[in-house]
Amino acid sequence: MDRLRLPSFIQAQIAGLLFGLALAQQPLKKPNTFRLESLTREGEDGLLIKYEIPFDGMVELRLLAGKDSVVYFFQWPSLQGKRERRLPGAKGLRGTYRYRITYKGIEYTGQVTL
């Protein structure tokens, strides 16, 4: 059986169309970054964190004292977008601490005064 031969310009158009369709199926990529808006004391034994994330995922917060000793740790699942979360069990935390927030395997560090 003989193969159907198409002119090369039609083959090129078909290839371009298929390539365009393949590109259209690729999802748009958002940067995978955590953005901390605030971390403040709420009442005597809690903290309030406001943040924004582009994808659903786990968030971990560590407050560090001198020599990187962890004085507070909390982990929670979060949906994408701007969120706020009340973090329990922070009684007695007063002063300045370094924080380490882990989201999607990336660590974000800084300093906070409570």
PDB file of N, CA and C in Angstrom:
ATOM      1  N   MET A   1       0.851  -1.168   0.000  1.00  0.00           N
ATOM      2  CA  MET A   1       0.000   0.000   0.000  1.00  0.00           C
ATOM      3  C   MET A   1       0.899   1.235   0.000  1.00  0.00           C
ATOM      4  N   ASP A   2       0.618   2.135  -0.855  1.00  0.00           N
ATOM      5  CA  ASP A   2       1.409   3.358  -0.943  1.00  0.00           C
ATOM      6  C   ASP A   2       0.973   4.333   0.148  1.00  0.00           C
ATOM      7  N   ARG A   3       1.975   5.028   0.687  1.00  0.00           N
ATOM      8  CA  ARG A   3       1.684   6.040   1.705  1.00  0.00           C
ATOM      9  C   ARG A   3       1.188   7.307   1.042  1.00  0.00           C
ATOM     10  N   LEU A   4       0.336   7.978   1.723  1.00  0.00           N
ATOM     11  CA  LEU A   4      -0.151   9.258   1.220  1.00  0.00           C
ATOM     12  C   LEU A   4       0.953  10.283   1.429  1.00  0.00           C
ATOM     13  N   ARG A   5       1.340  10.948   0.392  1.00  0.00           N
ATOM     14  CA  ARG A   5       2.400  11.954   0.475  1.00  0.00           C
ATOM     15  C   ARG A   5       1.775  13.345   0.508  1.00  0.00           C
ATOM     16  N   LEU A   6       2.086  14.072   1.557  1.00  0.00           N
ATOM     17  CA  LEU A   6       1.623  15.450   1.659  1.00  0.00           C
ATOM     18  C   LEU A   6       2.770  16.381   1.297  1.00  0.00           C
ATOM     19  N   PRO A   7       2.459  17.505   0.696  1.00  0.00           N
ATOM     20  CA  PRO A   7       3.519  18.471   0.422  1.00  0.00           C
ATOM     21  C   PRO A   7       4.182  18.909   1.731  1.00  0.00           C
ATOM     22  N   SER A   8       5.442  19.263   1.659  1.00  0.00           N
ATOM     23  CA  SER A   8       6.209  19.589   2.863  1.00  0.00           C
ATOM     24  C   SER A   8       5.652  20.797   3.607  1.00  0.00           C
ATOM     25  N   PHE A   9       5.071  21.778   2.901  1.00  0.00           N
ATOM     26  CA  PHE A   9       4.530  22.942   3.610  1.00  0.00           C
ATOM     27  C   PHE A   9       3.306  22.550   4.443  1.00  0.00           C
ATOM     28  N   ILE A  10       2.529  21.577   3.998  1.00  0.00           N
ATOM     29  CA  ILE A  10       1.384  21.111   4.788  1.00  0.00           C
ATOM     30  C   ILE A  10       1.879  20.298   5.987  1.00  0.00           C
ATOM     31  N   GLN A  11       2.925  19.506   5.784  1.00  0.00           N
ATOM     32  CA  GLN A  11       3.522  18.763   6.903  1.00  0.00           C
ATOM     33  C   GLN A  11       4.032  19.738   7.963  1.00  0.00           C
ATOM     34  N   ALA A  12       4.663  20.828   7.518  1.00  0.00           N
ATOM     35  CA  ALA A  12       5.175  21.836   8.460  1.00  0.00           C
ATOM     36  C   ALA A  12       4.035  22.499   9.214  1.00  0.00           C
ATOM     37  N   GLN A  13       2.916  22.774   8.538  1.00  0.00           N
ATOM     38  CA  GLN A  13       1.776  23.391   9.199  1.00  0.00           C
ATOM     39  C   GLN A  13       1.171  22.446  10.242  1.00  0.00           C
ATOM     40  N   ILE A  14       1.087  21.176   9.900  1.00  0.00           N
ATOM     41  CA  ILE A  14       0.547  20.189  10.844  1.00  0.00           C
ATOM     42  C   ILE A  14       1.465  20.068  12.056  1.00  0.00           C
ATOM     43  N   ALA A  15       2.778  20.019  11.812  1.00  0.00           N
ATOM     44  CA  ALA A  15       3.741  19.937  12.915  1.00  0.00           C
ATOM     45  C   ALA A  15       3.643  21.174  13.810  1.00  0.00           C
ATOM     46  N   GLY A  16       3.511  22.357  13.215  1.00  0.00           N
ATOM     47  CA  GLY A  16       3.363  23.592  13.989  1.00  0.00           C
ATOM     48  C   GLY A  16       2.098  23.604  14.816  1.00  0.00           C
ATOM     49  N   LEU A  17       1.018  23.105  14.229  1.00  0.00           N
ATOM     50  CA  LEU A  17      -0.244  23.028  14.952  1.00  0.00           C
ATOM     51  C   LEU A  17      -0.133  22.084  16.156  1.00  0.00           C
ATOM     52  N   LEU A  18       0.467  20.924  15.949  1.00  0.00           N
ATOM     53  CA  LEU A  18       0.634  19.967  17.049  1.00  0.00           C
ATOM     54  C   LEU A  18       1.541  20.532  18.137  1.00  0.00           C
ATOM     55  N   PHE A  19       2.605  21.221  17.745  1.00  0.00           N
ATOM     56  CA  PHE A  19       3.516  21.837  18.716  1.00  0.00           C
ATOM     57  C   PHE A  19       2.784  22.919  19.517  1.00  0.00           C
ATOM     58  N   GLY A  20       1.969  23.726  18.847  1.00  0.00           N
ATOM     59  CA  GLY A  20       1.200  24.762  19.528  1.00  0.00           C
ATOM     60  C   GLY A  20       0.207  24.186  20.521  1.00  0.00           C
ATOM     61  N   LEU A  21      -0.442  23.093  20.136  1.00  0.00           N
ATOM     62  CA  LEU A  21      -1.371  22.438  21.053  1.00  0.00           C
ATOM     63  C   LEU A  21      -0.651  21.880  22.277  1.00  0.00           C
ATOM     64  N   ALA A  22       0.536  21.333  22.063  1.00  0.00           N
ATOM     65  CA  ALA A  22       1.315  20.797  23.188  1.00  0.00           C
ATOM     66  C   ALA A  22       1.707  21.921  24.144  1.00  0.00           C
ATOM     67  N   LEU A  23       2.092  23.079  23.613  1.00  0.00           N
ATOM     68  CA  LEU A  23       2.448  24.209  24.479  1.00  0.00           C
ATOM     69  C   LEU A  23       1.242  24.744  25.235  1.00  0.00           C
ATOM     70  N   ALA A  24       0.086  24.731  24.601  1.00  0.00           N
ATOM     71  CA  ALA A  24      -1.120  25.238  25.250  1.00  0.00           C
ATOM     72  C   ALA A  24      -1.511  24.372  26.448  1.00  0.00           C
ATOM     73  N   GLN A  25      -1.106  23.120  26.474  1.00  0.00           N
ATOM     74  CA  GLN A  25      -1.450  22.220  27.576  1.00  0.00           C
ATOM     75  C   GLN A  25      -0.563  22.424  28.792  1.00  0.00           C
ATOM     76  N   GLN A  26       0.558  23.147  28.650  1.00  0.00           N
ATOM     77  CA  GLN A  26       1.473  23.374  29.758  1.00  0.00           C
ATOM     78  C   GLN A  26       0.856  24.372  30.736  1.00  0.00           C
ATOM     79  N   PRO A  27       0.844  24.067  32.037  1.00  0.00           N
ATOM     80  CA  PRO A  27       0.287  25.020  33.006  1.00  0.00           C
ATOM     81  C   PRO A  27       1.215  26.219  33.173  1.00  0.00           C
ATOM     82  N   LEU A  28       0.626  27.359  33.480  1.00  0.00           N
ATOM     83  CA  LEU A  28       1.422  28.538  33.776  1.00  0.00           C
ATOM     84  C   LEU A  28       2.085  28.334  35.130  1.00  0.00           C
ATOM     85  N   LYS A  29       3.350  28.668  35.213  1.00  0.00           N
ATOM     86  CA  LYS A  29       4.066  28.449  36.470  1.00  0.00           C
ATOM     87  C   LYS A  29       4.097  29.732  37.283  1.00  0.00           C
ATOM     88  N   LYS A  30       3.733  29.589  38.563  1.00  0.00           N
ATOM     89  CA  LYS A  30       3.815  30.701  39.499  1.00  0.00           C
ATOM     90  C   LYS A  30       5.084  30.516  40.317  1.00  0.00           C
ATOM     91  N   PRO A  31       5.682  31.605  40.759  1.00  0.00           N
ATOM     92  CA  PRO A  31       6.841  31.433  41.634  1.00  0.00           C
ATOM     93  C   PRO A  31       6.420  30.773  42.937  1.00  0.00           C
ATOM     94  N   ASN A  32       7.234  29.858  43.402  1.00  0.00           N
ATOM     95  CA  ASN A  32       6.943  29.085  44.605  1.00  0.00           C
ATOM     96  C   ASN A  32       7.575  29.793  45.802  1.00  0.00           C
ATOM     97  N   THR A  33       6.944  30.858  46.262  1.00  0.00           N
ATOM     98  CA  THR A  33       7.517  31.631  47.351  1.00  0.00           C
ATOM     99  C   THR A  33       6.506  31.859  48.467  1.00  0.00           C
ATOM    100  N   PHE A  34       7.016  31.922  49.670  1.00  0.00           N
ATOM    101  CA  PHE A  34       6.250  32.213  50.866  1.00  0.00           C
ATOM    102  C   PHE A  34       6.440  33.692  51.169  1.00  0.00           C
ATOM    103  N   ARG A  35       5.354  34.405  51.477  1.00  0.00           N
ATOM    104  CA  ARG A  35       5.480  35.817  51.824  1.00  0.00           C
ATOM    105  C   ARG A  35       4.864  36.039  53.201  1.00  0.00           C
ATOM    106  N   LEU A  36       5.703  36.403  54.157  1.00  0.00           N
ATOM    107  CA  LEU A  36       5.251  36.674  55.526  1.00  0.00           C
ATOM    108  C   LEU A  36       4.781  38.118  55.601  1.00  0.00           C
ATOM    109  N   GLU A  37       3.533  38.310  56.047  1.00  0.00           N
ATOM    110  CA  GLU A  37       3.005  39.661  56.222  1.00  0.00           C
ATOM    111  C   GLU A  37       3.213  40.140  57.652  1.00  0.00           C
ATOM    112  N   SER A  38       2.935  39.262  58.636  1.00  0.00           N
ATOM    113  CA  SER A  38       3.187  39.645  60.025  1.00  0.00           C
ATOM    114  C   SER A  38       3.230  38.413  60.907  1.00  0.00           C
ATOM    115  N   LEU A  39       3.947  38.542  61.997  1.00  0.00           N
ATOM    116  CA  LEU A  39       4.012  37.524  63.043  1.00  0.00           C
ATOM    117  C   LEU A  39       3.981  38.293  64.359  1.00  0.00           C
ATOM    118  N   THR A  40       2.841  38.228  65.070  1.00  0.00           N
ATOM    119  CA  THR A  40       2.653  39.034  66.269  1.00  0.00           C
ATOM    120  C   THR A  40       2.094  38.195  67.409  1.00  0.00           C
ATOM    121  N   ARG A  41       2.230  38.715  68.604  1.00  0.00           N
ATOM    122  CA  ARG A  41       1.671  38.068  69.796  1.00  0.00           C
ATOM    123  C   ARG A  41       0.172  38.330  69.815  1.00  0.00           C
ATOM    124  N   GLU A  42      -0.585  37.283  70.185  1.00  0.00           N
ATOM    125  CA  GLU A  42      -2.027  37.418  70.349  1.00  0.00           C
ATOM    126  C   GLU A  42      -2.400  36.851  71.703  1.00  0.00           C
ATOM    127  N   GLY A  43      -2.731  37.711  72.620  1.00  0.00           N
ATOM    128  CA  GLY A  43      -3.052  37.264  73.971  1.00  0.00           C
ATOM    129  C   GLY A  43      -1.797  36.804  74.696  1.00  0.00           C
ATOM    130  N   GLU A  44      -1.999  36.061  75.764  1.00  0.00           N
ATOM    131  CA  GLU A  44      -0.864  35.608  76.579  1.00  0.00           C
ATOM    132  C   GLU A  44      -0.189  34.362  76.047  1.00  0.00           C
ATOM    133  N   ASP A  45      -0.951  33.483  75.410  1.00  0.00           N
ATOM    134  CA  ASP A  45      -0.351  32.204  75.047  1.00  0.00           C
ATOM    135  C   ASP A  45      -0.506  31.847  73.568  1.00  0.00           C
ATOM    136  N   GLY A  46      -0.579  32.840  72.699  1.00  0.00           N
ATOM    137  CA  GLY A  46      -0.722  32.546  71.278  1.00  0.00           C
ATOM    138  C   GLY A  46      -0.010  33.548  70.393  1.00  0.00           C
ATOM    139  N   LEU A  47       0.214  33.137  69.176  1.00  0.00           N
ATOM    140  CA  LEU A  47       0.796  33.995  68.149  1.00  0.00           C
ATOM    141  C   LEU A  47      -0.172  34.061  66.977  1.00  0.00           C
ATOM    142  N   LEU A  48      -0.093  35.132  66.208  1.00  0.00           N
ATOM    143  CA  LEU A  48      -0.896  35.282  65.004  1.00  0.00           C
ATOM    144  C   LEU A  48       0.064  35.495  63.846  1.00  0.00           C
ATOM    145  N   ILE A  49      -0.044  34.644  62.829  1.00  0.00           N
ATOM    146  CA  ILE A  49       0.799  34.769  61.650  1.00  0.00           C
ATOM    147  C   ILE A  49      -0.089  35.064  60.451  1.00  0.00           C
ATOM    148  N   LYS A  50       0.299  36.037  59.650  1.00  0.00           N
ATOM    149  CA  LYS A  50      -0.388  36.371  58.404  1.00  0.00           C
ATOM    150  C   LYS A  50       0.626  36.180  57.281  1.00  0.00           C
ATOM    151  N   TYR A  51       0.204  35.460  56.235  1.00  0.00           N
ATOM    152  CA  TYR A  51       1.140  35.103  55.176  1.00  0.00           C
ATOM    153  C   TYR A  51       0.390  34.853  53.877  1.00  0.00           C
ATOM    154  N   GLU A  52       1.146  34.670  52.799  1.00  0.00           N
ATOM    155  CA  GLU A  52       0.569  34.337  51.502  1.00  0.00           C
ATOM    156  C   GLU A  52       1.425  33.268  50.841  1.00  0.00           C
ATOM    157  N   ILE A  53       0.756  32.234  50.289  1.00  0.00           N
ATOM    158  CA  ILE A  53       1.453  31.181  49.560  1.00  0.00           C
ATOM    159  C   ILE A  53       0.735  30.923  48.233  1.00  0.00           C
ATOM    160  N   PRO A  54       1.485  30.536  47.183  1.00  0.00           N
ATOM    161  CA  PRO A  54       0.873  30.336  45.870  1.00  0.00           C
ATOM    162  C   PRO A  54       0.234  28.963  45.675  1.00  0.00           C
ATOM    163  N   PHE A  55       0.598  27.973  46.486  1.00  0.00           N
ATOM    164  CA  PHE A  55       0.081  26.610  46.336  1.00  0.00           C
ATOM    165  C   PHE A  55      -0.275  26.042  47.704  1.00  0.00           C
ATOM    166  N   ASP A  56      -1.179  25.074  47.743  1.00  0.00           N
ATOM    167  CA  ASP A  56      -1.475  24.362  48.982  1.00  0.00           C
ATOM    168  C   ASP A  56      -0.207  23.662  49.466  1.00  0.00           C
ATOM    169  N   GLY A  57      -0.027  23.573  50.777  1.00  0.00           N
ATOM    170  CA  GLY A  57       1.147  22.866  51.284  1.00  0.00           C
ATOM    171  C   GLY A  57       1.295  22.980  52.783  1.00  0.00           C
ATOM    172  N   MET A  58       2.329  22.320  53.280  1.00  0.00           N
ATOM    173  CA  MET A  58       2.647  22.358  54.705  1.00  0.00           C
ATOM    174  C   MET A  58       3.533  23.562  54.991  1.00  0.00           C
ATOM    175  N   VAL A  59       3.282  24.183  56.128  1.00  0.00           N
ATOM    176  CA  VAL A  59       4.085  25.317  56.582  1.00  0.00           C
ATOM    177  C   VAL A  59       4.618  24.960  57.958  1.00  0.00           C
ATOM    178  N   GLU A  60       5.904  25.196  58.176  1.00  0.00           N
ATOM    179  CA  GLU A  60       6.528  24.961  59.487  1.00  0.00           C
ATOM    180  C   GLU A  60       7.139  26.264  59.980  1.00  0.00           C
ATOM    181  N   LEU A  61       6.925  26.550  61.241  1.00  0.00           N
ATOM    182  CA  LEU A  61       7.515  27.731  61.866  1.00  0.00           C
ATOM    183  C   LEU A  61       8.373  27.289  63.033  1.00  0.00           C
ATOM    184  N   ARG A  62       9.596  27.786  63.064  1.00  0.00           N
ATOM    185  CA  ARG A  62      10.499  27.568  64.197  1.00  0.00           C
ATOM    186  C   ARG A  62      10.964  28.929  64.683  1.00  0.00           C
ATOM    187  N   LEU A  63      10.843  29.146  65.983  1.00  0.00           N
ATOM    188  CA  LEU A  63      11.442  30.324  66.609  1.00  0.00           C
ATOM    189  C   LEU A  63      12.725  29.861  67.269  1.00  0.00           C
ATOM    190  N   LEU A  64      13.806  30.574  66.992  1.00  0.00           N
ATOM    191  CA  LEU A  64      15.128  30.156  67.448  1.00  0.00           C
ATOM    192  C   LEU A  64      15.706  31.160  68.427  1.00  0.00           C
ATOM    193  N   ALA A  65      16.277  30.644  69.502  1.00  0.00           N
ATOM    194  CA  ALA A  65      17.004  31.477  70.465  1.00  0.00           C
ATOM    195  C   ALA A  65      18.493  31.387  70.119  1.00  0.00           C
ATOM    196  N   GLY A  66      19.327  31.800  71.052  1.00  0.00           N
ATOM    197  CA  GLY A  66      20.772  31.749  70.833  1.00  0.00           C
ATOM    198  C   GLY A  66      21.261  30.362  70.472  1.00  0.00           C
ATOM    199  N   LYS A  67      22.276  30.305  69.662  1.00  0.00           N
ATOM    200  CA  LYS A  67      22.902  29.048  69.212  1.00  0.00           C
ATOM    201  C   LYS A  67      21.921  28.136  68.497  1.00  0.00           C
ATOM    202  N   ASP A  68      20.952  28.723  67.797  1.00  0.00           N
ATOM    203  CA  ASP A  68      19.976  27.984  66.986  1.00  0.00           C
ATOM    204  C   ASP A  68      19.147  26.966  67.761  1.00  0.00           C
ATOM    205  N   SER A  69      18.942  27.184  69.048  1.00  0.00           N
ATOM    206  CA  SER A  69      18.075  26.267  69.796  1.00  0.00           C
ATOM    207  C   SER A  69      16.619  26.636  69.520  1.00  0.00           C
ATOM    208  N   VAL A  70      15.809  25.642  69.240  1.00  0.00           N
ATOM    209  CA  VAL A  70      14.408  25.853  68.901  1.00  0.00           C
ATOM    210  C   VAL A  70      13.610  26.034  70.190  1.00  0.00           C
ATOM    211  N   VAL A  71      12.948  27.196  70.328  1.00  0.00           N
ATOM    212  CA  VAL A  71      12.124  27.455  71.510  1.00  0.00           C
ATOM    213  C   VAL A  71      10.637  27.303  71.189  1.00  0.00           C
ATOM    214  N   TYR A  72      10.285  27.289  69.920  1.00  0.00           N
ATOM    215  CA  TYR A  72       8.892  27.100  69.521  1.00  0.00           C
ATOM    216  C   TYR A  72       8.865  26.453  68.143  1.00  0.00           C
ATOM    217  N   PHE A  73       7.975  25.460  67.982  1.00  0.00           N
ATOM    218  CA  PHE A  73       7.809  24.798  66.690  1.00  0.00           C
ATOM    219  C   PHE A  73       6.328  24.520  66.481  1.00  0.00           C
ATOM    220  N   PHE A  74       5.834  24.818  65.289  1.00  0.00           N
ATOM    221  CA  PHE A  74       4.453  24.489  64.934  1.00  0.00           C
ATOM    222  C   PHE A  74       4.393  24.217  63.446  1.00  0.00           C
ATOM    223  N   GLN A  75       3.610  23.214  63.061  1.00  0.00           N
ATOM    224  CA  GLN A  75       3.483  22.794  61.660  1.00  0.00           C
ATOM    225  C   GLN A  75       1.996  22.647  61.349  1.00  0.00           C
ATOM    226  N   TRP A  76       1.582  23.130  60.161  1.00  0.00           N
ATOM    227  CA  TRP A  76       0.176  23.040  59.801  1.00  0.00           C
ATOM    228  C   TRP A  76       0.012  23.004  58.278  1.00  0.00           C
ATOM    229  N   PRO A  77      -1.077  22.345  57.803  1.00  0.00           N
ATOM    230  CA  PRO A  77      -1.384  22.382  56.374  1.00  0.00           C
ATOM    231  C   PRO A  77      -2.094  23.696  56.049  1.00  0.00           C
ATOM    232  N   SER A  78      -1.851  24.210  54.852  1.00  0.00           N
ATOM    233  CA  SER A  78      -2.452  25.483  54.490  1.00  0.00           C
ATOM    234  C   SER A  78      -2.903  25.459  53.034  1.00  0.00           C
ATOM    235  N   LEU A  79      -4.003  26.138  52.779  1.00  0.00           N
ATOM    236  CA  LEU A  79      -4.478  26.320  51.414  1.00  0.00           C
ATOM    237  C   LEU A  79      -3.802  27.540  50.806  1.00  0.00           C
ATOM    238  N   GLN A  80      -3.777  27.602  49.495  1.00  0.00           N
ATOM    239  CA  GLN A  80      -3.114  28.715  48.819  1.00  0.00           C
ATOM    240  C   GLN A  80      -3.839  30.028  49.069  1.00  0.00           C
ATOM    241  N   GLY A  81      -3.133  31.123  48.858  1.00  0.00           N
ATOM    242  CA  GLY A  81      -3.707  32.454  49.005  1.00  0.00           C
ATOM    243  C   GLY A  81      -3.242  33.139  50.279  1.00  0.00           C
ATOM    244  N   LYS A  82      -3.881  34.264  50.579  1.00  0.00           N
ATOM    245  CA  LYS A  82      -3.576  35.002  51.808  1.00  0.00           C
ATOM    246  C   LYS A  82      -4.285  34.320  52.962  1.00  0.00           C
ATOM    247  N   ARG A  83      -3.548  34.047  54.002  1.00  0.00           N
ATOM    248  CA  ARG A  83      -4.086  33.328  55.151  1.00  0.00           C
ATOM    249  C   ARG A  83      -3.614  33.970  56.446  1.00  0.00           C
ATOM    250  N   GLU A  84      -4.351  33.674  57.500  1.00  0.00           N
ATOM    251  CA  GLU A  84      -3.885  33.993  58.847  1.00  0.00           C
ATOM    252  C   GLU A  84      -4.184  32.790  59.725  1.00  0.00           C
ATOM    253  N   ARG A  85      -3.287  32.569  60.665  1.00  0.00           N
ATOM    254  CA  ARG A  85      -3.398  31.372  61.521  1.00  0.00           C
ATOM    255  C   ARG A  85      -3.018  31.743  62.942  1.00  0.00           C
ATOM    256  N   ARG A  86      -3.816  31.284  63.874  1.00  0.00           N
ATOM    257  CA  ARG A  86      -3.483  31.446  65.286  1.00  0.00           C
ATOM    258  C   ARG A  86      -2.662  30.240  65.707  1.00  0.00           C
ATOM    259  N   LEU A  87      -1.516  30.507  66.287  1.00  0.00           N
ATOM    260  CA  LEU A  87      -0.590  29.451  66.684  1.00  0.00           C
ATOM    261  C   LEU A  87      -0.617  29.322  68.205  1.00  0.00           C
ATOM    262  N   PRO A  88      -0.974  28.160  68.724  1.00  0.00           N
ATOM    263  CA  PRO A  88      -1.109  27.981  70.172  1.00  0.00           C
ATOM    264  C   PRO A  88       0.227  27.671  70.843  1.00  0.00           C
ATOM    265  N   GLY A  89       0.197  27.728  72.146  1.00  0.00           N
ATOM    266  CA  GLY A  89       1.324  27.247  72.944  1.00  0.00           C
ATOM    267  C   GLY A  89       2.555  28.118  72.942  1.00  0.00           C
ATOM    268  N   ALA A  90       2.386  29.418  72.807  1.00  0.00           N
ATOM    269  CA  ALA A  90       3.543  30.307  72.795  1.00  0.00           C
ATOM    270  C   ALA A  90       3.668  31.081  74.104  1.00  0.00           C
ATOM    271  N   LYS A  91       3.126  30.515  75.167  1.00  0.00           N
ATOM    272  CA  LYS A  91       3.146  31.189  76.468  1.00  0.00           C
ATOM    273  C   LYS A  91       4.584  31.402  76.935  1.00  0.00           C
ATOM    274  N   GLY A  92       4.838  32.590  77.409  1.00  0.00           N
ATOM    275  CA  GLY A  92       6.162  32.894  77.941  1.00  0.00           C
ATOM    276  C   GLY A  92       7.176  33.351  76.907  1.00  0.00           C
ATOM    277  N   LEU A  93       6.804  33.392  75.654  1.00  0.00           N
ATOM    278  CA  LEU A  93       7.745  33.858  74.627  1.00  0.00           C
ATOM    279  C   LEU A  93       7.699  35.382  74.557  1.00  0.00           C
ATOM    280  N   ARG A  94       8.731  35.991  75.037  1.00  0.00           N
ATOM    281  CA  ARG A  94       8.876  37.448  74.984  1.00  0.00           C
ATOM    282  C   ARG A  94      10.312  37.742  74.606  1.00  0.00           C
ATOM    283  N   GLY A  95      10.473  38.755  73.779  1.00  0.00           N
ATOM    284  CA  GLY A  95      11.814  39.135  73.374  1.00  0.00           C
ATOM    285  C   GLY A  95      11.976  39.040  71.862  1.00  0.00           C
ATOM    286  N   THR A  96      13.226  39.013  71.433  1.00  0.00           N
ATOM    287  CA  THR A  96      13.544  38.954  70.012  1.00  0.00           C
ATOM    288  C   THR A  96      14.040  37.560  69.659  1.00  0.00           C
ATOM    289  N   TYR A  97      13.480  37.013  68.609  1.00  0.00           N
ATOM    290  CA  TYR A  97      13.827  35.666  68.157  1.00  0.00           C
ATOM    291  C   TYR A  97      14.089  35.687  66.656  1.00  0.00           C
ATOM    292  N   ARG A  98      14.908  34.776  66.221  1.00  0.00           N
ATOM    293  CA  ARG A  98      15.040  34.526  64.793  1.00  0.00           C
ATOM    294  C   ARG A  98      13.991  33.488  64.436  1.00  0.00           C
ATOM    295  N   TYR A  99      13.450  33.593  63.230  1.00  0.00           N
ATOM    296  CA  TYR A  99      12.486  32.583  62.806  1.00  0.00           C
ATOM    297  C   TYR A  99      12.989  31.870  61.557  1.00  0.00           C
ATOM    298  N   ARG A 100      12.531  30.650  61.407  1.00  0.00           N
ATOM    299  CA  ARG A 100      12.803  29.867  60.199  1.00  0.00           C
ATOM    300  C   ARG A 100      11.469  29.252  59.782  1.00  0.00           C
ATOM    301  N   ILE A 101      10.975  29.681  58.636  1.00  0.00           N
ATOM    302  CA  ILE A 101       9.722  29.158  58.092  1.00  0.00           C
ATOM    303  C   ILE A 101      10.079  28.270  56.907  1.00  0.00           C
ATOM    304  N   THR A 102       9.555  27.041  56.906  1.00  0.00           N
ATOM    305  CA  THR A 102       9.814  26.110  55.812  1.00  0.00           C
ATOM    306  C   THR A 102       8.516  25.887  55.053  1.00  0.00           C
ATOM    307  N   TYR A 103       8.584  26.098  53.725  1.00  0.00           N
ATOM    308  CA  TYR A 103       7.431  25.896  52.850  1.00  0.00           C
ATOM    309  C   TYR A 103       7.945  25.304  51.543  1.00  0.00           C
ATOM    310  N   LYS A 104       7.428  24.134  51.178  1.00  0.00           N
ATOM    311  CA  LYS A 104       7.809  23.431  49.946  1.00  0.00           C
ATOM    312  C   LYS A 104       9.317  23.203  49.872  1.00  0.00           C
ATOM    313  N   GLY A 105       9.930  22.902  51.024  1.00  0.00           N
ATOM    314  CA  GLY A 105      11.347  22.580  51.068  1.00  0.00           C
ATOM    315  C   GLY A 105      12.284  23.777  51.051  1.00  0.00           C
ATOM    316  N   ILE A 106      11.741  24.981  51.030  1.00  0.00           N
ATOM    317  CA  ILE A 106      12.561  26.199  51.013  1.00  0.00           C
ATOM    318  C   ILE A 106      12.438  26.875  52.377  1.00  0.00           C
ATOM    319  N   GLU A 107      13.564  27.316  52.920  1.00  0.00           N
ATOM    320  CA  GLU A 107      13.552  27.978  54.223  1.00  0.00           C
ATOM    321  C   GLU A 107      13.605  29.488  54.061  1.00  0.00           C
ATOM    322  N   TYR A 108      12.759  30.166  54.811  1.00  0.00           N
ATOM    323  CA  TYR A 108      12.708  31.620  54.841  1.00  0.00           C
ATOM    324  C   TYR A 108      13.066  32.047  56.259  1.00  0.00           C
ATOM    325  N   THR A 109      14.029  32.923  56.396  1.00  0.00           N
ATOM    326  CA  THR A 109      14.513  33.310  57.712  1.00  0.00           C
ATOM    327  C   THR A 109      14.375  34.805  57.934  1.00  0.00           C
ATOM    328  N   GLY A 110      14.368  35.186  59.203  1.00  0.00           N
ATOM    329  CA  GLY A 110      14.292  36.583  59.562  1.00  0.00           C
ATOM    330  C   GLY A 110      14.301  36.710  61.069  1.00  0.00           C
ATOM    331  N   GLN A 111      13.906  37.883  61.555  1.00  0.00           N
ATOM    332  CA  GLN A 111      13.910  38.147  62.988  1.00  0.00           C
ATOM    333  C   GLN A 111      12.596  38.804  63.356  1.00  0.00           C
ATOM    334  N   VAL A 112      12.090  38.480  64.541  1.00  0.00           N
ATOM    335  CA  VAL A 112      10.824  39.029  65.019  1.00  0.00           C
ATOM    336  C   VAL A 112      10.941  39.342  66.506  1.00  0.00           C
ATOM    337  N   THR A 113      10.273  40.417  66.934  1.00  0.00           N
ATOM    338  CA  THR A 113      10.209  40.764  68.350  1.00  0.00           C
ATOM    339  C   THR A 113       8.774  40.567  68.823  1.00  0.00           C
ATOM    340  N   LEU A 114       8.641  39.771  69.875  1.00  0.00           N
ATOM    341  CA  LEU A 114       7.310  39.464  70.419  1.00  0.00           C
ATOM    342  C   LEU A 114       7.117  40.129  71.766  1.00  0.00           C
TER     343      LEU A 114
END
